[in-house]
Amino acid sequence: MSIAPIVQSVTVAVPPDRAFAVFTGSIGRWWKRGMTIGAKPHEDVVIEPRAGGRWFERDEDGTETEWGTVLAWEPPGRVLLGWQIDAAFKHDPDLTTEVEVTFVPDGAGTRVTLIHSRLERFGESAERIAAQLGGGWPGLLQLFADLTEKDAR
């Protein structure tokens, strides 16, 4: 079975290096509260800035819940994240789908495109999870765009 990737884009009025920095370095500031997998609401979300780094959430007690790994780190143009969250929204190091985010100059701003692919790896749950993720990514990207615009002022 093949599941089409989820593709979402936004344009922000900052250069690619700034958009990349906000997306990767300030993800905890724009990621929607409650859209995490830890036992408690997150205080921060962290993408370690290197290939092989971790992608995780941290709650108010300092407990870290893994989301996946950084597969490619290519500032300011691209980051590729391994999403290791299963159909029950629990961390699973044996399952990896991919979240690729690119940052391309667009006039005075940047076109940010997110592609969540390899969704067929969810197996029997693939269509259901693709629909859930497809409904979640647009709102998250808008939160990113809103923070980027606010920070640019």
N, C-alpha and C. Protein backbone atom coordinates (compact mmCIF):
# COMPACT_ATOMS: atom_id res chain seq x y z
N MET A 1 0.85 -1.18 0.00
CA MET A 1 0.00 0.00 0.00
C MET A 1 0.89 1.24 0.00
N SER A 2 0.48 2.22 -0.75
CA SER A 2 1.20 3.49 -0.80
C SER A 2 0.28 4.60 -0.30
N ILE A 3 0.80 5.42 0.54
CA ILE A 3 0.03 6.56 1.08
C ILE A 3 0.73 7.83 0.61
N ALA A 4 -0.04 8.73 0.03
CA ALA A 4 0.53 9.99 -0.44
C ALA A 4 1.10 10.79 0.72
N PRO A 5 2.25 11.42 0.51
CA PRO A 5 2.81 12.26 1.58
C PRO A 5 1.89 13.44 1.88
N ILE A 6 2.00 13.94 3.08
CA ILE A 6 1.32 15.17 3.47
C ILE A 6 2.25 16.32 3.08
N VAL A 7 1.74 17.29 2.35
CA VAL A 7 2.54 18.42 1.91
C VAL A 7 1.82 19.70 2.32
N GLN A 8 2.50 20.53 3.08
CA GLN A 8 1.96 21.81 3.54
C GLN A 8 3.02 22.88 3.39
N SER A 9 2.61 24.09 3.03
CA SER A 9 3.54 25.21 2.88
C SER A 9 2.97 26.48 3.48
N VAL A 10 3.89 27.32 3.93
CA VAL A 10 3.56 28.68 4.36
C VAL A 10 4.68 29.59 3.88
N THR A 11 4.37 30.85 3.71
CA THR A 11 5.39 31.84 3.38
C THR A 11 5.49 32.81 4.54
N VAL A 12 6.73 33.05 4.96
CA VAL A 12 6.97 33.97 6.07
C VAL A 12 7.87 35.11 5.58
N ALA A 13 7.73 36.27 6.21
CA ALA A 13 8.41 37.48 5.75
C ALA A 13 9.78 37.66 6.41
N VAL A 14 10.55 36.58 6.47
CA VAL A 14 11.91 36.63 7.00
C VAL A 14 12.79 35.81 6.06
N PRO A 15 14.10 36.05 6.06
CA PRO A 15 14.99 35.25 5.20
C PRO A 15 15.08 33.80 5.68
N PRO A 16 15.54 32.90 4.80
CA PRO A 16 15.61 31.48 5.15
C PRO A 16 16.37 31.16 6.43
N ASP A 17 17.47 31.85 6.69
CA ASP A 17 18.23 31.53 7.90
C ASP A 17 17.42 31.80 9.16
N ARG A 18 16.63 32.89 9.14
CA ARG A 18 15.79 33.21 10.30
C ARG A 18 14.62 32.22 10.42
N ALA A 19 14.00 31.88 9.28
CA ALA A 19 12.90 30.92 9.30
C ALA A 19 13.38 29.56 9.81
N PHE A 20 14.54 29.12 9.35
CA PHE A 20 15.13 27.87 9.80
C PHE A 20 15.37 27.91 11.31
N ALA A 21 15.93 29.01 11.79
CA ALA A 21 16.24 29.15 13.21
C ALA A 21 14.98 29.11 14.07
N VAL A 22 13.91 29.77 13.63
CA VAL A 22 12.67 29.76 14.41
C VAL A 22 12.04 28.37 14.38
N PHE A 23 12.03 27.75 13.22
CA PHE A 23 11.42 26.43 13.11
C PHE A 23 12.14 25.42 14.00
N THR A 24 13.46 25.37 13.88
CA THR A 24 14.21 24.33 14.58
C THR A 24 14.62 24.72 16.00
N GLY A 25 14.94 25.97 16.22
CA GLY A 25 15.46 26.38 17.52
C GLY A 25 14.41 26.90 18.48
N SER A 26 13.24 27.22 17.96
CA SER A 26 12.16 27.76 18.81
C SER A 26 10.89 26.93 18.70
N ILE A 27 11.03 25.68 18.31
CA ILE A 27 9.85 24.83 18.10
C ILE A 27 8.98 24.74 19.35
N GLY A 28 9.60 24.77 20.50
CA GLY A 28 8.83 24.73 21.74
C GLY A 28 7.97 25.95 21.97
N ARG A 29 8.32 27.05 21.32
CA ARG A 29 7.53 28.29 21.45
C ARG A 29 6.30 28.27 20.56
N TRP A 30 6.35 27.56 19.44
CA TRP A 30 5.20 27.60 18.54
C TRP A 30 4.41 26.29 18.49
N TRP A 31 4.96 25.19 18.94
CA TRP A 31 4.24 23.91 18.90
C TRP A 31 3.05 23.99 19.84
N LYS A 32 1.90 23.59 19.36
CA LYS A 32 0.65 23.72 20.11
C LYS A 32 0.67 22.90 21.40
N ARG A 33 0.33 23.55 22.49
CA ARG A 33 0.22 22.87 23.78
C ARG A 33 -0.82 21.76 23.67
N GLY A 34 -0.50 20.62 24.24
CA GLY A 34 -1.42 19.49 24.22
C GLY A 34 -1.24 18.58 23.01
N MET A 35 -0.48 19.00 22.02
CA MET A 35 -0.24 18.15 20.85
C MET A 35 1.11 17.44 21.00
N THR A 36 1.29 16.81 22.15
CA THR A 36 2.51 16.09 22.43
C THR A 36 2.13 14.72 22.98
N ILE A 37 3.12 13.87 23.19
CA ILE A 37 2.83 12.50 23.58
C ILE A 37 3.25 12.16 25.01
N GLY A 38 3.88 13.08 25.70
CA GLY A 38 4.32 12.83 27.07
C GLY A 38 3.14 12.74 28.03
N ALA A 39 3.43 12.29 29.24
CA ALA A 39 2.39 12.13 30.25
C ALA A 39 1.84 13.47 30.72
N LYS A 40 2.68 14.51 30.64
CA LYS A 40 2.27 15.84 31.07
C LYS A 40 2.45 16.81 29.90
N PRO A 41 1.78 17.96 29.96
CA PRO A 41 1.98 18.96 28.90
C PRO A 41 3.45 19.36 28.78
N HIS A 42 3.87 19.65 27.57
CA HIS A 42 5.28 19.99 27.35
C HIS A 42 5.59 21.41 27.80
N GLU A 43 6.81 21.58 28.25
CA GLU A 43 7.36 22.90 28.54
C GLU A 43 8.23 23.35 27.38
N ASP A 44 8.80 22.38 26.66
CA ASP A 44 9.66 22.70 25.53
C ASP A 44 9.66 21.52 24.57
N VAL A 45 9.97 21.81 23.33
CA VAL A 45 10.23 20.80 22.31
C VAL A 45 11.60 21.14 21.76
N VAL A 46 12.43 20.13 21.61
CA VAL A 46 13.83 20.34 21.25
C VAL A 46 14.19 19.52 20.01
N ILE A 47 14.84 20.19 19.07
CA ILE A 47 15.48 19.52 17.94
C ILE A 47 16.97 19.79 18.11
N GLU A 48 17.74 18.76 18.41
CA GLU A 48 19.17 18.95 18.57
C GLU A 48 19.79 19.27 17.21
N PRO A 49 20.61 20.32 17.12
CA PRO A 49 21.05 20.88 15.84
C PRO A 49 22.21 20.13 15.17
N ARG A 50 21.93 18.87 14.82
CA ARG A 50 22.93 18.08 14.11
C ARG A 50 22.29 16.79 13.61
N ALA A 51 22.82 16.26 12.52
CA ALA A 51 22.40 14.94 12.07
C ALA A 51 22.74 13.95 13.18
N GLY A 52 21.81 13.08 13.48
CA GLY A 52 21.98 12.14 14.58
C GLY A 52 21.46 12.65 15.90
N GLY A 53 21.07 13.93 15.94
CA GLY A 53 20.53 14.50 17.16
C GLY A 53 19.14 13.96 17.46
N ARG A 54 18.68 14.30 18.65
CA ARG A 54 17.35 13.85 19.07
C ARG A 54 16.31 14.93 18.80
N TRP A 55 15.06 14.49 18.74
CA TRP A 55 13.89 15.35 18.62
C TRP A 55 12.96 14.87 19.73
N PHE A 56 12.66 15.76 20.70
CA PHE A 56 11.93 15.31 21.87
C PHE A 56 11.19 16.46 22.53
N GLU A 57 10.30 16.09 23.44
CA GLU A 57 9.61 17.08 24.26
C GLU A 57 10.11 16.94 25.70
N ARG A 58 10.02 18.04 26.42
CA ARG A 58 10.41 18.05 27.83
C ARG A 58 9.24 18.66 28.61
N ASP A 59 8.82 17.96 29.70
CA ASP A 59 7.71 18.50 30.48
C ASP A 59 8.22 19.33 31.65
N GLU A 60 7.31 19.84 32.44
CA GLU A 60 7.66 20.75 33.54
C GLU A 60 8.57 20.12 34.58
N ASP A 61 8.55 18.80 34.70
CA ASP A 61 9.41 18.10 35.66
C ASP A 61 10.78 17.76 35.07
N GLY A 62 10.99 18.10 33.80
CA GLY A 62 12.24 17.76 33.14
C GLY A 62 12.23 16.41 32.45
N THR A 63 11.11 15.70 32.52
CA THR A 63 11.00 14.41 31.87
C THR A 63 11.01 14.61 30.35
N GLU A 64 11.84 13.84 29.67
CA GLU A 64 11.96 13.94 28.22
C GLU A 64 11.27 12.74 27.57
N THR A 65 10.48 13.03 26.54
CA THR A 65 9.81 11.99 25.76
C THR A 65 10.29 12.10 24.33
N GLU A 66 10.90 11.05 23.84
CA GLU A 66 11.47 11.04 22.49
C GLU A 66 10.38 11.09 21.43
N TRP A 67 10.67 11.83 20.35
CA TRP A 67 9.82 11.85 19.16
C TRP A 67 10.53 11.20 17.99
N GLY A 68 11.87 11.31 17.97
CA GLY A 68 12.60 10.76 16.84
C GLY A 68 14.02 11.29 16.79
N THR A 69 14.55 11.32 15.57
CA THR A 69 15.94 11.72 15.37
C THR A 69 16.06 12.72 14.22
N VAL A 70 17.17 13.42 14.22
CA VAL A 70 17.48 14.33 13.12
C VAL A 70 18.25 13.51 12.09
N LEU A 71 17.67 13.35 10.92
CA LEU A 71 18.29 12.55 9.86
C LEU A 71 19.23 13.38 9.00
N ALA A 72 18.89 14.66 8.79
CA ALA A 72 19.75 15.57 8.03
C ALA A 72 19.60 16.97 8.60
N TRP A 73 20.72 17.65 8.72
CA TRP A 73 20.76 19.02 9.26
C TRP A 73 21.52 19.87 8.26
N GLU A 74 20.80 20.69 7.48
CA GLU A 74 21.40 21.46 6.39
C GLU A 74 20.93 22.91 6.42
N PRO A 75 21.29 23.65 7.48
CA PRO A 75 20.85 25.05 7.56
C PRO A 75 21.47 25.89 6.45
N PRO A 76 20.77 26.87 5.92
CA PRO A 76 19.42 27.26 6.29
C PRO A 76 18.36 26.69 5.36
N GLY A 77 18.71 25.66 4.58
CA GLY A 77 17.78 25.20 3.55
C GLY A 77 16.93 24.01 3.85
N ARG A 78 17.36 23.14 4.79
CA ARG A 78 16.61 21.88 4.94
C ARG A 78 16.94 21.21 6.27
N VAL A 79 15.90 20.61 6.85
CA VAL A 79 16.06 19.70 7.98
C VAL A 79 15.17 18.50 7.69
N LEU A 80 15.68 17.30 7.98
CA LEU A 80 14.94 16.06 7.78
C LEU A 80 14.88 15.36 9.13
N LEU A 81 13.66 15.16 9.60
CA LEU A 81 13.43 14.57 10.92
C LEU A 81 12.83 13.18 10.78
N GLY A 82 13.33 12.25 11.56
CA GLY A 82 12.72 10.94 11.65
C GLY A 82 11.64 10.97 12.72
N TRP A 83 10.39 10.79 12.30
CA TRP A 83 9.23 10.79 13.21
C TRP A 83 9.07 9.34 13.67
N GLN A 84 9.36 9.10 14.94
CA GLN A 84 9.31 7.75 15.48
C GLN A 84 8.17 7.64 16.50
N ILE A 85 7.01 8.03 16.04
CA ILE A 85 5.80 7.99 16.85
C ILE A 85 4.82 7.07 16.13
N ASP A 86 4.32 6.08 16.84
CA ASP A 86 3.48 5.07 16.20
C ASP A 86 2.02 5.49 16.12
N ALA A 87 1.18 4.57 15.68
CA ALA A 87 -0.24 4.86 15.47
C ALA A 87 -0.98 5.11 16.78
N ALA A 88 -0.41 4.68 17.90
CA ALA A 88 -1.00 4.95 19.21
C ALA A 88 -0.41 6.22 19.83
N PHE A 89 0.38 6.94 19.04
CA PHE A 89 1.05 8.17 19.45
C PHE A 89 1.96 7.92 20.68
N LYS A 90 2.76 6.87 20.54
CA LYS A 90 3.81 6.54 21.50
C LYS A 90 5.12 6.45 20.74
N HIS A 91 6.24 6.76 21.41
CA HIS A 91 7.54 6.65 20.77
C HIS A 91 7.84 5.20 20.42
N ASP A 92 8.29 4.97 19.19
CA ASP A 92 8.66 3.64 18.72
C ASP A 92 9.93 3.77 17.89
N PRO A 93 11.09 3.43 18.46
CA PRO A 93 12.35 3.58 17.72
C PRO A 93 12.46 2.66 16.51
N ASP A 94 11.57 1.68 16.40
CA ASP A 94 11.60 0.77 15.26
C ASP A 94 10.73 1.24 14.09
N LEU A 95 10.03 2.34 14.27
CA LEU A 95 9.18 2.92 13.22
C LEU A 95 9.71 4.31 12.90
N THR A 96 9.97 4.57 11.63
CA THR A 96 10.40 5.91 11.25
C THR A 96 9.67 6.35 10.00
N THR A 97 8.88 7.42 10.13
CA THR A 97 8.40 8.14 8.96
C THR A 97 9.25 9.40 8.89
N GLU A 98 9.14 10.16 7.81
CA GLU A 98 10.04 11.30 7.62
C GLU A 98 9.29 12.61 7.50
N VAL A 99 9.81 13.61 8.19
CA VAL A 99 9.29 14.97 8.11
C VAL A 99 10.43 15.83 7.56
N GLU A 100 10.28 16.23 6.30
CA GLU A 100 11.29 17.08 5.66
C GLU A 100 10.75 18.50 5.58
N VAL A 101 11.55 19.45 6.02
CA VAL A 101 11.15 20.85 5.97
C VAL A 101 12.21 21.60 5.19
N THR A 102 11.76 22.31 4.14
CA THR A 102 12.68 23.09 3.32
C THR A 102 12.35 24.57 3.45
N PHE A 103 13.38 25.40 3.28
CA PHE A 103 13.29 26.84 3.44
C PHE A 103 13.88 27.47 2.19
N VAL A 104 13.01 28.00 1.31
CA VAL A 104 13.43 28.50 0.00
C VAL A 104 13.11 29.99 -0.09
N PRO A 105 14.09 30.80 -0.51
CA PRO A 105 13.80 32.23 -0.68
C PRO A 105 12.59 32.45 -1.59
N ASP A 106 11.74 33.39 -1.19
CA ASP A 106 10.54 33.72 -1.96
C ASP A 106 10.34 35.23 -1.83
N GLY A 107 10.86 35.97 -2.81
CA GLY A 107 10.82 37.43 -2.72
C GLY A 107 11.62 37.88 -1.52
N ALA A 108 10.99 38.68 -0.65
CA ALA A 108 11.68 39.16 0.55
C ALA A 108 11.52 38.19 1.71
N GLY A 109 10.84 37.08 1.48
CA GLY A 109 10.58 36.13 2.55
C GLY A 109 11.09 34.74 2.23
N THR A 110 10.43 33.77 2.83
CA THR A 110 10.82 32.37 2.69
C THR A 110 9.59 31.50 2.55
N ARG A 111 9.63 30.60 1.59
CA ARG A 111 8.60 29.58 1.44
C ARG A 111 9.05 28.37 2.24
N VAL A 112 8.28 28.00 3.25
CA VAL A 112 8.59 26.86 4.11
C VAL A 112 7.63 25.74 3.73
N THR A 113 8.21 24.61 3.30
CA THR A 113 7.40 23.47 2.88
C THR A 113 7.73 22.28 3.75
N LEU A 114 6.69 21.68 4.30
CA LEU A 114 6.82 20.49 5.12
C LEU A 114 6.22 19.31 4.36
N ILE A 115 6.98 18.22 4.28
CA ILE A 115 6.51 16.99 3.64
C ILE A 115 6.67 15.87 4.65
N HIS A 116 5.55 15.27 5.05
CA HIS A 116 5.59 14.11 5.95
C HIS A 116 5.32 12.88 5.08
N SER A 117 6.35 12.04 4.94
CA SER A 117 6.27 10.91 4.00
C SER A 117 6.56 9.58 4.68
N ARG A 118 6.46 8.54 3.86
CA ARG A 118 6.65 7.13 4.28
C ARG A 118 5.57 6.71 5.27
N LEU A 119 4.39 7.26 5.08
CA LEU A 119 3.27 7.01 5.98
C LEU A 119 2.75 5.58 5.89
N GLU A 120 3.04 4.89 4.80
CA GLU A 120 2.62 3.49 4.68
C GLU A 120 3.25 2.62 5.77
N ARG A 121 4.31 3.11 6.39
CA ARG A 121 4.97 2.37 7.46
C ARG A 121 4.09 2.21 8.70
N PHE A 122 2.98 2.95 8.75
CA PHE A 122 2.03 2.77 9.84
C PHE A 122 1.18 1.52 9.66
N GLY A 123 1.37 0.82 8.55
CA GLY A 123 0.65 -0.44 8.31
C GLY A 123 -0.84 -0.25 8.19
N GLU A 124 -1.58 -1.10 8.89
CA GLU A 124 -3.05 -1.07 8.81
C GLU A 124 -3.63 0.27 9.26
N SER A 125 -2.90 1.01 10.04
CA SER A 125 -3.38 2.31 10.55
C SER A 125 -2.99 3.47 9.65
N ALA A 126 -2.33 3.20 8.54
CA ALA A 126 -1.74 4.27 7.72
C ALA A 126 -2.75 5.31 7.25
N GLU A 127 -3.87 4.89 6.74
CA GLU A 127 -4.85 5.87 6.22
C GLU A 127 -5.40 6.73 7.35
N ARG A 128 -5.72 6.12 8.47
CA ARG A 128 -6.26 6.87 9.61
C ARG A 128 -5.23 7.87 10.14
N ILE A 129 -3.99 7.43 10.31
CA ILE A 129 -2.95 8.31 10.83
C ILE A 129 -2.62 9.42 9.83
N ALA A 130 -2.59 9.08 8.54
CA ALA A 130 -2.34 10.11 7.52
C ALA A 130 -3.41 11.19 7.59
N ALA A 131 -4.66 10.80 7.79
CA ALA A 131 -5.74 11.78 7.90
C ALA A 131 -5.56 12.65 9.14
N GLN A 132 -5.18 12.04 10.26
CA GLN A 132 -4.96 12.81 11.49
C GLN A 132 -3.79 13.79 11.32
N LEU A 133 -2.68 13.29 10.80
CA LEU A 133 -1.52 14.16 10.60
C LEU A 133 -1.82 15.25 9.58
N GLY A 134 -2.54 14.89 8.54
CA GLY A 134 -2.91 15.86 7.51
C GLY A 134 -3.79 16.97 8.07
N GLY A 135 -4.55 16.67 9.11
CA GLY A 135 -5.37 17.69 9.76
C GLY A 135 -4.60 18.51 10.78
N GLY A 136 -3.48 17.96 11.28
CA GLY A 136 -2.71 18.65 12.31
C GLY A 136 -1.62 19.57 11.79
N TRP A 137 -0.94 19.14 10.72
CA TRP A 137 0.19 19.93 10.23
C TRP A 137 -0.17 21.35 9.78
N PRO A 138 -1.31 21.58 9.11
CA PRO A 138 -1.61 22.96 8.70
C PRO A 138 -1.68 23.93 9.88
N GLY A 139 -2.31 23.52 10.96
CA GLY A 139 -2.42 24.39 12.13
C GLY A 139 -1.07 24.64 12.78
N LEU A 140 -0.24 23.60 12.85
CA LEU A 140 1.09 23.77 13.43
C LEU A 140 1.94 24.71 12.59
N LEU A 141 1.90 24.56 11.27
CA LEU A 141 2.66 25.46 10.41
C LEU A 141 2.18 26.90 10.53
N GLN A 142 0.88 27.06 10.73
CA GLN A 142 0.36 28.42 10.92
C GLN A 142 0.85 29.01 12.23
N LEU A 143 0.93 28.20 13.28
CA LEU A 143 1.49 28.68 14.55
C LEU A 143 2.95 29.09 14.37
N PHE A 144 3.70 28.30 13.61
CA PHE A 144 5.09 28.65 13.30
C PHE A 144 5.14 29.98 12.56
N ALA A 145 4.29 30.14 11.54
CA ALA A 145 4.27 31.38 10.75
C ALA A 145 3.90 32.57 11.63
N ASP A 146 2.92 32.39 12.50
CA ASP A 146 2.50 33.48 13.39
C ASP A 146 3.64 33.92 14.29
N LEU A 147 4.36 32.98 14.89
CA LEU A 147 5.48 33.34 15.75
C LEU A 147 6.60 33.99 14.96
N THR A 148 6.86 33.48 13.78
CA THR A 148 7.92 34.06 12.94
C THR A 148 7.60 35.50 12.60
N GLU A 149 6.37 35.77 12.22
CA GLU A 149 5.94 37.13 11.89
C GLU A 149 6.02 38.04 13.12
N LYS A 150 5.58 37.53 14.28
CA LYS A 150 5.62 38.32 15.51
C LYS A 150 7.07 38.67 15.87
N ASP A 151 7.96 37.69 15.77
CA ASP A 151 9.36 37.92 16.09
C ASP A 151 10.04 38.87 15.11
N ALA A 152 9.51 38.94 13.89
CA ALA A 152 10.11 39.79 12.85
C ALA A 152 9.80 41.27 13.09
N ARG A 153 8.76 41.55 13.84
CA ARG A 153 8.35 42.95 14.09
C ARG A 153 9.28 43.65 15.04
